[in-house]
Amino acid sequence: MQFQFDSLTAFLYMDGHGIFVWAAYGVTFAALAAVALYPRLQRRRLQRELERQRRIESRRRSVQASRARETEPA
């Protein structure tokens, strides 16, 4: 089996085309990573927002309940 390039440097350089080839690989892997990570980040953000809304609603209910107890005739 014959390797097409004489050395690792020749492989990376690819007769002057290496910069384009490796840039294309880099952009592709960056895009794939973004596609994989974005839903996870969105899910975390959504979970934090839902938990924040639950806390706000819980506080609101407790304030309303305490006000209702204060206004009850004794």
PDB file of N, CA and C in Angstrom:
ATOM      1  N   MET A   1       0.846  -1.169   0.000  1.00  0.00           N
ATOM      2  CA  MET A   1       0.000   0.000   0.000  1.00  0.00           C
ATOM      3  C   MET A   1       0.895   1.237   0.000  1.00  0.00           C
ATOM      4  N   GLN A   2       0.665   2.126  -0.910  1.00  0.00           N
ATOM      5  CA  GLN A   2       1.481   3.320  -1.085  1.00  0.00           C
ATOM      6  C   GLN A   2       0.738   4.540  -0.542  1.00  0.00           C
ATOM      7  N   PHE A   3       1.386   5.269   0.363  1.00  0.00           N
ATOM      8  CA  PHE A   3       0.807   6.501   0.892  1.00  0.00           C
ATOM      9  C   PHE A   3       1.037   7.611  -0.125  1.00  0.00           C
ATOM     10  N   GLN A   4       0.047   8.445  -0.348  1.00  0.00           N
ATOM     11  CA  GLN A   4       0.135   9.454  -1.404  1.00  0.00           C
ATOM     12  C   GLN A   4       1.115  10.582  -1.078  1.00  0.00           C
ATOM     13  N   PHE A   5       1.326  10.865   0.199  1.00  0.00           N
ATOM     14  CA  PHE A   5       2.200  11.973   0.588  1.00  0.00           C
ATOM     15  C   PHE A   5       3.483  11.429   1.199  1.00  0.00           C
ATOM     16  N   ASP A   6       4.574  12.167   1.027  1.00  0.00           N
ATOM     17  CA  ASP A   6       5.876  11.731   1.515  1.00  0.00           C
ATOM     18  C   ASP A   6       6.035  11.929   3.020  1.00  0.00           C
ATOM     19  N   SER A   7       5.375  12.955   3.569  1.00  0.00           N
ATOM     20  CA  SER A   7       5.519  13.259   4.990  1.00  0.00           C
ATOM     21  C   SER A   7       4.227  13.867   5.518  1.00  0.00           C
ATOM     22  N   LEU A   8       4.182  14.025   6.828  1.00  0.00           N
ATOM     23  CA  LEU A   8       3.016  14.643   7.455  1.00  0.00           C
ATOM     24  C   LEU A   8       2.869  16.098   7.006  1.00  0.00           C
ATOM     25  N   THR A   9       3.976  16.792   6.864  1.00  0.00           N
ATOM     26  CA  THR A   9       3.942  18.182   6.407  1.00  0.00           C
ATOM     27  C   THR A   9       3.353  18.271   5.002  1.00  0.00           C
ATOM     28  N   ALA A  10       3.760  17.382   4.111  1.00  0.00           N
ATOM     29  CA  ALA A  10       3.214  17.365   2.750  1.00  0.00           C
ATOM     30  C   ALA A  10       1.721  17.050   2.777  1.00  0.00           C
ATOM     31  N   PHE A  11       1.321  16.159   3.701  1.00  0.00           N
ATOM     32  CA  PHE A  11      -0.094  15.825   3.851  1.00  0.00           C
ATOM     33  C   PHE A  11      -0.891  17.051   4.301  1.00  0.00           C
ATOM     34  N   LEU A  12      -0.381  17.772   5.286  1.00  0.00           N
ATOM     35  CA  LEU A  12      -1.086  18.946   5.791  1.00  0.00           C
ATOM     36  C   LEU A  12      -1.107  20.080   4.761  1.00  0.00           C
ATOM     37  N   TYR A  13      -0.048  20.217   3.997  1.00  0.00           N
ATOM     38  CA  TYR A  13       0.060  21.285   3.005  1.00  0.00           C
ATOM     39  C   TYR A  13      -0.758  20.977   1.746  1.00  0.00           C
ATOM     40  N   MET A  14      -0.799  19.721   1.339  1.00  0.00           N
ATOM     41  CA  MET A  14      -1.567  19.236   0.177  1.00  0.00           C
ATOM     42  C   MET A  14      -1.337  20.073  -1.077  1.00  0.00           C
ATOM     43  N   ASP A  15      -0.090  20.267  -1.423  1.00  0.00           N
ATOM     44  CA  ASP A  15       0.282  21.016  -2.629  1.00  0.00           C
ATOM     45  C   ASP A  15      -0.368  22.391  -2.696  1.00  0.00           C
ATOM     46  N   GLY A  16      -0.464  23.067  -1.554  1.00  0.00           N
ATOM     47  CA  GLY A  16      -1.027  24.419  -1.512  1.00  0.00           C
ATOM     48  C   GLY A  16      -2.520  24.472  -1.271  1.00  0.00           C
ATOM     49  N   HIS A  17      -3.185  23.336  -1.306  1.00  0.00           N
ATOM     50  CA  HIS A  17      -4.637  23.305  -1.114  1.00  0.00           C
ATOM     51  C   HIS A  17      -5.024  22.998   0.337  1.00  0.00           C
ATOM     52  N   GLY A  18      -4.064  22.714   1.161  1.00  0.00           N
ATOM     53  CA  GLY A  18      -4.332  22.301   2.540  1.00  0.00           C
ATOM     54  C   GLY A  18      -5.128  23.312   3.337  1.00  0.00           C
ATOM     55  N   ILE A  19      -4.821  24.590   3.166  1.00  0.00           N
ATOM     56  CA  ILE A  19      -5.527  25.610   3.936  1.00  0.00           C
ATOM     57  C   ILE A  19      -7.022  25.583   3.651  1.00  0.00           C
ATOM     58  N   PHE A  20      -7.389  25.338   2.399  1.00  0.00           N
ATOM     59  CA  PHE A  20      -8.804  25.291   2.029  1.00  0.00           C
ATOM     60  C   PHE A  20      -9.466  24.014   2.533  1.00  0.00           C
ATOM     61  N   VAL A  21      -8.756  22.918   2.411  1.00  0.00           N
ATOM     62  CA  VAL A  21      -9.291  21.626   2.855  1.00  0.00           C
ATOM     63  C   VAL A  21      -9.504  21.637   4.358  1.00  0.00           C
ATOM     64  N   TRP A  22      -8.496  22.065   5.113  1.00  0.00           N
ATOM     65  CA  TRP A  22      -8.608  22.044   6.574  1.00  0.00           C
ATOM     66  C   TRP A  22      -9.591  23.090   7.076  1.00  0.00           C
ATOM     67  N   ALA A  23      -9.692  24.208   6.378  1.00  0.00           N
ATOM     68  CA  ALA A  23     -10.703  25.207   6.745  1.00  0.00           C
ATOM     69  C   ALA A  23     -12.109  24.642   6.535  1.00  0.00           C
ATOM     70  N   ALA A  24     -12.304  23.912   5.445  1.00  0.00           N
ATOM     71  CA  ALA A  24     -13.607  23.297   5.182  1.00  0.00           C
ATOM     72  C   ALA A  24     -13.944  22.272   6.262  1.00  0.00           C
ATOM     73  N   TYR A  25     -12.952  21.463   6.664  1.00  0.00           N
ATOM     74  CA  TYR A  25     -13.190  20.510   7.752  1.00  0.00           C
ATOM     75  C   TYR A  25     -13.521  21.255   9.050  1.00  0.00           C
ATOM     76  N   GLY A  26     -12.797  22.314   9.334  1.00  0.00           N
ATOM     77  CA  GLY A  26     -13.045  23.076  10.558  1.00  0.00           C
ATOM     78  C   GLY A  26     -14.435  23.673  10.599  1.00  0.00           C
ATOM     79  N   VAL A  27     -14.859  24.275   9.495  1.00  0.00           N
ATOM     80  CA  VAL A  27     -16.197  24.867   9.427  1.00  0.00           C
ATOM     81  C   VAL A  27     -17.260  23.781   9.575  1.00  0.00           C
ATOM     82  N   THR A  28     -17.047  22.653   8.933  1.00  0.00           N
ATOM     83  CA  THR A  28     -18.011  21.558   9.015  1.00  0.00           C
ATOM     84  C   THR A  28     -18.137  21.039  10.433  1.00  0.00           C
ATOM     85  N   PHE A  29     -17.013  20.796  11.098  1.00  0.00           N
ATOM     86  CA  PHE A  29     -17.074  20.280  12.471  1.00  0.00           C
ATOM     87  C   PHE A  29     -17.640  21.320  13.429  1.00  0.00           C
ATOM     88  N   ALA A  30     -17.358  22.590  13.208  1.00  0.00           N
ATOM     89  CA  ALA A  30     -17.931  23.642  14.048  1.00  0.00           C
ATOM     90  C   ALA A  30     -19.449  23.694  13.878  1.00  0.00           C
ATOM     91  N   ALA A  31     -19.908  23.567  12.646  1.00  0.00           N
ATOM     92  CA  ALA A  31     -21.354  23.574  12.399  1.00  0.00           C
ATOM     93  C   ALA A  31     -22.025  22.359  13.033  1.00  0.00           C
ATOM     94  N   LEU A  32     -21.403  21.200  12.911  1.00  0.00           N
ATOM     95  CA  LEU A  32     -21.966  19.996  13.527  1.00  0.00           C
ATOM     96  C   LEU A  32     -22.007  20.113  15.051  1.00  0.00           C
ATOM     97  N   ALA A  33     -20.975  20.680  15.631  1.00  0.00           N
ATOM     98  CA  ALA A  33     -20.951  20.880  17.084  1.00  0.00           C
ATOM     99  C   ALA A  33     -22.056  21.848  17.501  1.00  0.00           C
ATOM    100  N   ALA A  34     -22.246  22.913  16.744  1.00  0.00           N
ATOM    101  CA  ALA A  34     -23.297  23.878  17.060  1.00  0.00           C
ATOM    102  C   ALA A  34     -24.677  23.234  16.966  1.00  0.00           C
ATOM    103  N   VAL A  35     -24.873  22.416  15.940  1.00  0.00           N
ATOM    104  CA  VAL A  35     -26.156  21.730  15.772  1.00  0.00           C
ATOM    105  C   VAL A  35     -26.406  20.766  16.931  1.00  0.00           C
ATOM    106  N   ALA A  36     -25.367  20.154  17.436  1.00  0.00           N
ATOM    107  CA  ALA A  36     -25.516  19.222  18.544  1.00  0.00           C
ATOM    108  C   ALA A  36     -25.713  19.934  19.880  1.00  0.00           C
ATOM    109  N   LEU A  37     -25.050  21.066  20.085  1.00  0.00           N
ATOM    110  CA  LEU A  37     -25.097  21.746  21.378  1.00  0.00           C
ATOM    111  C   LEU A  37     -26.271  22.699  21.537  1.00  0.00           C
ATOM    112  N   TYR A  38     -26.730  23.314  20.479  1.00  0.00           N
ATOM    113  CA  TYR A  38     -27.773  24.326  20.579  1.00  0.00           C
ATOM    114  C   TYR A  38     -29.042  23.813  21.269  1.00  0.00           C
ATOM    115  N   PRO A  39     -29.577  22.648  20.914  1.00  0.00           N
ATOM    116  CA  PRO A  39     -30.782  22.178  21.616  1.00  0.00           C
ATOM    117  C   PRO A  39     -30.557  21.972  23.120  1.00  0.00           C
ATOM    118  N   ARG A  40     -29.386  21.521  23.496  1.00  0.00           N
ATOM    119  CA  ARG A  40     -29.100  21.343  24.922  1.00  0.00           C
ATOM    120  C   ARG A  40     -29.088  22.679  25.647  1.00  0.00           C
ATOM    121  N   LEU A  41     -28.469  23.669  25.044  1.00  0.00           N
ATOM    122  CA  LEU A  41     -28.431  24.996  25.658  1.00  0.00           C
ATOM    123  C   LEU A  41     -29.827  25.600  25.742  1.00  0.00           C
ATOM    124  N   GLN A  42     -30.623  25.420  24.709  1.00  0.00           N
ATOM    125  CA  GLN A  42     -31.991  25.923  24.716  1.00  0.00           C
ATOM    126  C   GLN A  42     -32.821  25.227  25.798  1.00  0.00           C
ATOM    127  N   ARG A  43     -32.624  23.927  25.950  1.00  0.00           N
ATOM    128  CA  ARG A  43     -33.372  23.178  26.964  1.00  0.00           C
ATOM    129  C   ARG A  43     -33.027  23.685  28.359  1.00  0.00           C
ATOM    130  N   ARG A  44     -31.737  23.897  28.628  1.00  0.00           N
ATOM    131  CA  ARG A  44     -31.331  24.436  29.931  1.00  0.00           C
ATOM    132  C   ARG A  44     -31.955  25.804  30.179  1.00  0.00           C
ATOM    133  N   ARG A  45     -31.925  26.656  29.169  1.00  0.00           N
ATOM    134  CA  ARG A  45     -32.495  27.990  29.305  1.00  0.00           C
ATOM    135  C   ARG A  45     -33.988  27.912  29.580  1.00  0.00           C
ATOM    136  N   LEU A  46     -34.681  27.036  28.876  1.00  0.00           N
ATOM    137  CA  LEU A  46     -36.116  26.865  29.065  1.00  0.00           C
ATOM    138  C   LEU A  46     -36.423  26.326  30.462  1.00  0.00           C
ATOM    139  N   GLN A  47     -35.635  25.367  30.934  1.00  0.00           N
ATOM    140  CA  GLN A  47     -35.847  24.820  32.277  1.00  0.00           C
ATOM    141  C   GLN A  47     -35.644  25.892  33.340  1.00  0.00           C
ATOM    142  N   ARG A  48     -34.609  26.723  33.182  1.00  0.00           N
ATOM    143  CA  ARG A  48     -34.394  27.812  34.144  1.00  0.00           C
ATOM    144  C   ARG A  48     -35.563  28.796  34.128  1.00  0.00           C
ATOM    145  N   GLU A  49     -36.044  29.122  32.942  1.00  0.00           N
ATOM    146  CA  GLU A  49     -37.164  30.054  32.834  1.00  0.00           C
ATOM    147  C   GLU A  49     -38.433  29.476  33.457  1.00  0.00           C
ATOM    148  N   LEU A  50     -38.700  28.206  33.229  1.00  0.00           N
ATOM    149  CA  LEU A  50     -39.881  27.575  33.823  1.00  0.00           C
ATOM    150  C   LEU A  50     -39.778  27.542  35.347  1.00  0.00           C
ATOM    151  N   GLU A  51     -38.603  27.233  35.854  1.00  0.00           N
ATOM    152  CA  GLU A  51     -38.410  27.225  37.304  1.00  0.00           C
ATOM    153  C   GLU A  51     -38.588  28.630  37.879  1.00  0.00           C
ATOM    154  N   ARG A  52     -38.116  29.633  37.200  1.00  0.00           N
ATOM    155  CA  ARG A  52     -38.297  31.022  37.632  1.00  0.00           C
ATOM    156  C   ARG A  52     -39.773  31.377  37.666  1.00  0.00           C
ATOM    157  N   GLN A  53     -40.522  30.989  36.639  1.00  0.00           N
ATOM    158  CA  GLN A  53     -41.953  31.270  36.598  1.00  0.00           C
ATOM    159  C   GLN A  53     -42.692  30.537  37.718  1.00  0.00           C
ATOM    160  N   ARG A  54     -42.274  29.298  38.026  1.00  0.00           N
ATOM    161  CA  ARG A  54     -42.892  28.552  39.133  1.00  0.00           C
ATOM    162  C   ARG A  54     -42.667  29.265  40.464  1.00  0.00           C
ATOM    163  N   ARG A  55     -41.437  29.756  40.677  1.00  0.00           N
ATOM    164  CA  ARG A  55     -41.149  30.474  41.919  1.00  0.00           C
ATOM    165  C   ARG A  55     -41.986  31.741  42.023  1.00  0.00           C
ATOM    166  N   ILE A  56     -42.097  32.481  40.938  1.00  0.00           N
ATOM    167  CA  ILE A  56     -42.889  33.718  40.933  1.00  0.00           C
ATOM    168  C   ILE A  56     -44.351  33.400  41.244  1.00  0.00           C
ATOM    169  N   GLU A  57     -44.892  32.390  40.597  1.00  0.00           N
ATOM    170  CA  GLU A  57     -46.288  32.014  40.818  1.00  0.00           C
ATOM    171  C   GLU A  57     -46.513  31.532  42.247  1.00  0.00           C
ATOM    172  N   SER A  58     -45.569  30.801  42.780  1.00  0.00           N
ATOM    173  CA  SER A  58     -45.689  30.330  44.167  1.00  0.00           C
ATOM    174  C   SER A  58     -45.696  31.510  45.137  1.00  0.00           C
ATOM    175  N   ARG A  59     -44.814  32.460  44.937  1.00  0.00           N
ATOM    176  CA  ARG A  59     -44.789  33.658  45.786  1.00  0.00           C
ATOM    177  C   ARG A  59     -46.086  34.441  45.663  1.00  0.00           C
ATOM    178  N   ARG A  60     -46.570  34.564  44.447  1.00  0.00           N
ATOM    179  CA  ARG A  60     -47.803  35.302  44.207  1.00  0.00           C
ATOM    180  C   ARG A  60     -48.963  34.642  44.952  1.00  0.00           C
ATOM    181  N   ARG A  61     -49.037  33.324  44.893  1.00  0.00           N
ATOM    182  CA  ARG A  61     -50.115  32.607  45.593  1.00  0.00           C
ATOM    183  C   ARG A  61     -50.000  32.767  47.101  1.00  0.00           C
ATOM    184  N   SER A  62     -48.796  32.704  47.622  1.00  0.00           N
ATOM    185  CA  SER A  62     -48.643  32.839  49.075  1.00  0.00           C
ATOM    186  C   SER A  62     -49.003  34.254  49.539  1.00  0.00           C
ATOM    187  N   VAL A  63     -48.668  35.266  48.755  1.00  0.00           N
ATOM    188  CA  VAL A  63     -49.040  36.640  49.097  1.00  0.00           C
ATOM    189  C   VAL A  63     -50.554  36.798  49.052  1.00  0.00           C
ATOM    190  N   GLN A  64     -51.187  36.245  48.038  1.00  0.00           N
ATOM    191  CA  GLN A  64     -52.636  36.339  47.930  1.00  0.00           C
ATOM    192  C   GLN A  64     -53.318  35.614  49.088  1.00  0.00           C
ATOM    193  N   ALA A  65     -52.784  34.471  49.466  1.00  0.00           N
ATOM    194  CA  ALA A  65     -53.362  33.717  50.581  1.00  0.00           C
ATOM    195  C   ALA A  65     -53.213  34.484  51.891  1.00  0.00           C
ATOM    196  N   SER A  66     -52.072  35.101  52.113  1.00  0.00           N
ATOM    197  CA  SER A  66     -51.873  35.850  53.346  1.00  0.00           C
ATOM    198  C   SER A  66     -52.758  37.102  53.368  1.00  0.00           C
ATOM    199  N   ARG A  67     -52.965  37.734  52.242  1.00  0.00           N
ATOM    200  CA  ARG A  67     -53.863  38.889  52.172  1.00  0.00           C
ATOM    201  C   ARG A  67     -55.299  38.471  52.418  1.00  0.00           C
ATOM    202  N   ALA A  68     -55.666  37.315  51.890  1.00  0.00           N
ATOM    203  CA  ALA A  68     -57.028  36.821  52.096  1.00  0.00           C
ATOM    204  C   ALA A  68     -57.259  36.532  53.571  1.00  0.00           C
ATOM    205  N   ARG A  69     -56.269  35.997  54.274  1.00  0.00           N
ATOM    206  CA  ARG A  69     -56.403  35.716  55.698  1.00  0.00           C
ATOM    207  C   ARG A  69     -56.504  37.003  56.501  1.00  0.00           C
ATOM    208  N   GLU A  70     -55.771  38.046  56.059  1.00  0.00           N
ATOM    209  CA  GLU A  70     -55.804  39.327  56.760  1.00  0.00           C
ATOM    210  C   GLU A  70     -57.142  40.024  56.620  1.00  0.00           C
ATOM    211  N   THR A  71     -57.804  39.857  55.494  1.00  0.00           N
ATOM    212  CA  THR A  71     -59.054  40.549  55.234  1.00  0.00           C
ATOM    213  C   THR A  71     -60.267  39.764  55.719  1.00  0.00           C
ATOM    214  N   GLU A  72     -60.078  38.523  56.194  1.00  0.00           N
ATOM    215  CA  GLU A  72     -61.200  37.737  56.705  1.00  0.00           C
ATOM    216  C   GLU A  72     -61.742  38.381  57.981  1.00  0.00           C
ATOM    217  N   PRO A  73     -63.064  38.390  58.128  1.00  0.00           N
ATOM    218  CA  PRO A  73     -63.618  38.910  59.367  1.00  0.00           C
ATOM    219  C   PRO A  73     -63.267  38.000  60.539  1.00  0.00           C
ATOM    220  N   ALA A  74     -62.964  38.579  61.657  1.00  0.00           N
ATOM    221  CA  ALA A  74     -62.527  37.796  62.817  1.00  0.00           C
ATOM    222  C   ALA A  74     -63.655  37.283  63.633  1.00  0.00           C
TER     223      ALA A  74
END
